[in-house]
């Protein structure tokens, strides 16, 4: 027998603005996805990535550690 699940929607407002309540895990996933979309749409970042892909510079682990200050 199938179980019917119903959800009640309670409209809540804070400072006259509608509010959505989500589990923090879900919000973090949404936030990460939004950051990814913004990053992908960035023309500056796309140019920087294209430039980096054209450069065929190889760094040793010692050079990387020096550049990162590790």
Protein backbone atom coordinates (compact mmCIF):
# COMPACT_ATOMS: atom_id res chain seq x y z
CA UNK A 1 0.00 0.00 0.00
CA UNK A 2 1.37 3.41 -0.96
CA UNK A 3 1.73 5.99 1.74
CA UNK A 4 0.65 9.51 0.98
CA UNK A 5 2.86 12.13 2.55
CA UNK A 6 1.53 15.63 2.78
CA UNK A 7 3.47 18.69 3.77
CA UNK A 8 1.94 21.73 5.30
CA UNK A 9 3.43 25.04 4.33
CA UNK A 10 3.56 27.65 7.02
CA UNK A 11 4.27 31.11 5.73
CA UNK A 12 6.65 32.85 8.07
CA UNK A 13 7.93 36.36 7.72
CA UNK A 14 10.74 38.17 9.45
CA UNK A 15 10.85 41.93 9.01
CA UNK A 16 8.00 41.53 6.49
CA UNK A 17 10.18 39.29 4.29
CA UNK A 18 9.27 35.67 3.51
CA UNK A 19 11.60 33.14 5.13
CA UNK A 20 12.63 29.66 4.02
CA UNK A 21 13.96 27.23 6.59
CA UNK A 22 16.38 24.60 5.31
CA UNK A 23 18.69 22.13 6.96
CA UNK A 24 22.19 23.62 7.08
CA UNK A 25 23.54 20.77 4.94
CA UNK A 26 21.13 21.66 2.13
CA UNK A 27 21.92 25.39 2.40
CA UNK A 28 25.68 24.71 2.20
CA UNK A 29 25.14 22.67 -0.96
CA UNK A 30 23.04 25.44 -2.53
CA UNK A 31 25.60 28.07 -1.54
CA UNK A 32 28.44 26.02 -3.06
CA UNK A 33 26.50 25.56 -6.30
CA UNK A 34 25.80 29.31 -6.48
CA UNK A 35 29.48 30.09 -5.98
CA UNK A 36 30.34 27.65 -8.77
CA UNK A 37 27.86 29.32 -11.14
CA UNK A 38 29.18 32.79 -10.38
CA UNK A 39 32.74 31.57 -10.88
CA UNK A 40 31.89 29.91 -14.20
CA UNK A 41 30.20 33.06 -15.50
CA UNK A 42 33.16 35.27 -14.63
CA UNK A 43 34.85 36.51 -17.83
CA UNK A 44 37.97 37.44 -15.89
CA UNK A 45 38.26 33.98 -14.39
CA UNK A 46 37.66 32.33 -17.77
CA UNK A 47 40.47 34.39 -19.28
CA UNK A 48 42.77 33.57 -16.37
CA UNK A 49 42.05 29.84 -16.73
CA UNK A 50 42.61 29.96 -20.51
CA UNK A 51 45.93 31.75 -19.99
CA UNK A 52 47.02 29.22 -17.35
CA UNK A 53 46.13 26.32 -19.66
CA UNK A 54 48.32 27.78 -22.41
CA UNK A 55 51.29 28.01 -20.07
CA UNK A 56 53.10 24.72 -19.86
CA UNK A 57 55.15 25.57 -16.78
CA UNK A 58 55.95 22.70 -14.46
CA UNK A 59 56.92 23.42 -10.87
CA UNK A 60 58.71 21.09 -8.51
CA UNK A 61 57.21 20.47 -5.09
CA UNK A 62 60.02 22.56 -3.57
CA UNK A 63 59.12 25.51 -5.84
CA UNK A 64 55.43 25.19 -4.97
CA UNK A 65 56.21 25.15 -1.25
CA UNK A 66 58.40 28.25 -1.66
CA UNK A 67 55.68 30.10 -3.59
CA UNK A 68 53.06 29.18 -0.97
CA UNK A 69 55.38 29.99 1.91
CA UNK A 70 55.17 26.53 3.39
